[in-house]
């Protein structure tokens, strides 16, 4: 069992501080990560994809499992 939860979301739904998976590597979304191009929104300059994989971590707490 892994503590990672992967969800596919639209690039337009990204927020600063989210963790995403790009080419098998985890990255944190920064203030300048999402930009507008002639072809729509782009994550770090790549406008070819409209969706991205968001990664959340399952963290055990006193109140049960939480996603962070």
Protein backbone atom coordinates (compact mmCIF):
# COMPACT_ATOMS: atom_id res chain seq x y z
CA UNK A 1 0.00 0.00 0.00
CA UNK A 2 1.28 3.43 -0.91
CA UNK A 3 0.61 6.72 0.79
CA UNK A 4 0.19 8.58 -2.53
CA UNK A 5 -3.22 9.39 -4.01
CA UNK A 6 -3.17 10.41 -7.69
CA UNK A 7 -6.03 12.36 -9.27
CA UNK A 8 -6.29 13.79 -12.80
CA UNK A 9 -7.37 17.45 -12.77
CA UNK A 10 -7.59 20.31 -15.25
CA UNK A 11 -4.62 22.69 -15.44
CA UNK A 12 -7.05 25.56 -14.79
CA UNK A 13 -7.77 24.05 -11.33
CA UNK A 14 -4.12 24.16 -10.18
CA UNK A 15 -3.30 26.24 -7.13
CA UNK A 16 0.04 27.35 -5.72
CA UNK A 17 1.44 24.75 -3.34
CA UNK A 18 -0.19 21.69 -4.93
CA UNK A 19 2.03 18.71 -5.72
CA UNK A 20 1.81 17.33 -9.27
CA UNK A 21 3.48 14.50 -11.17
CA UNK A 22 5.15 15.38 -14.48
CA UNK A 23 7.15 12.77 -16.40
CA UNK A 24 7.29 10.56 -13.31
CA UNK A 25 8.70 13.33 -11.11
CA UNK A 26 6.93 15.18 -8.30
CA UNK A 27 6.83 18.96 -8.56
CA UNK A 28 5.29 21.71 -6.47
CA UNK A 29 3.15 24.29 -8.28
CA UNK A 30 4.62 27.77 -7.88
CA UNK A 31 3.29 31.25 -8.61
CA UNK A 32 4.76 31.23 -12.13
CA UNK A 33 4.11 27.58 -13.03
CA UNK A 34 0.85 28.17 -14.90
CA UNK A 35 0.88 30.62 -17.79
CA UNK A 36 -1.50 31.71 -20.54
CA UNK A 37 -0.46 30.98 -24.12
CA UNK A 38 -2.06 31.29 -27.54
CA UNK A 39 -3.25 27.68 -27.11
CA UNK A 40 -4.72 28.08 -23.61
CA UNK A 41 -3.16 27.46 -20.22
CA UNK A 42 0.25 25.82 -19.94
CA UNK A 43 2.02 24.19 -17.01
CA UNK A 44 5.71 25.16 -17.06
CA UNK A 45 5.51 26.04 -20.75
CA UNK A 46 3.87 22.79 -21.91
CA UNK A 47 0.51 23.64 -23.51
CA UNK A 48 0.05 20.23 -25.15
CA UNK A 49 -1.88 18.75 -22.22
CA UNK A 50 -5.03 20.16 -20.61
CA UNK A 51 -4.93 17.80 -17.62
CA UNK A 52 -2.29 16.97 -15.05
CA UNK A 53 -1.89 14.40 -12.27
CA UNK A 54 -2.30 15.87 -8.81
CA UNK A 55 -0.61 13.97 -5.98
CA UNK A 56 -1.85 14.02 -2.41
CA UNK A 57 -0.32 12.24 0.56
CA UNK A 58 -2.25 10.03 3.00
CA UNK A 59 -1.15 11.07 6.46
CA UNK A 60 -2.23 9.14 9.57
CA UNK A 61 -3.42 11.46 12.35
CA UNK A 62 -5.19 11.03 15.68
CA UNK A 63 -8.50 11.60 13.82
CA UNK A 64 -7.79 9.02 11.11
CA UNK A 65 -6.27 9.29 7.65
CA UNK A 66 -6.08 12.79 6.10
CA UNK A 67 -5.10 13.84 2.57
CA UNK A 68 -2.56 16.63 2.38
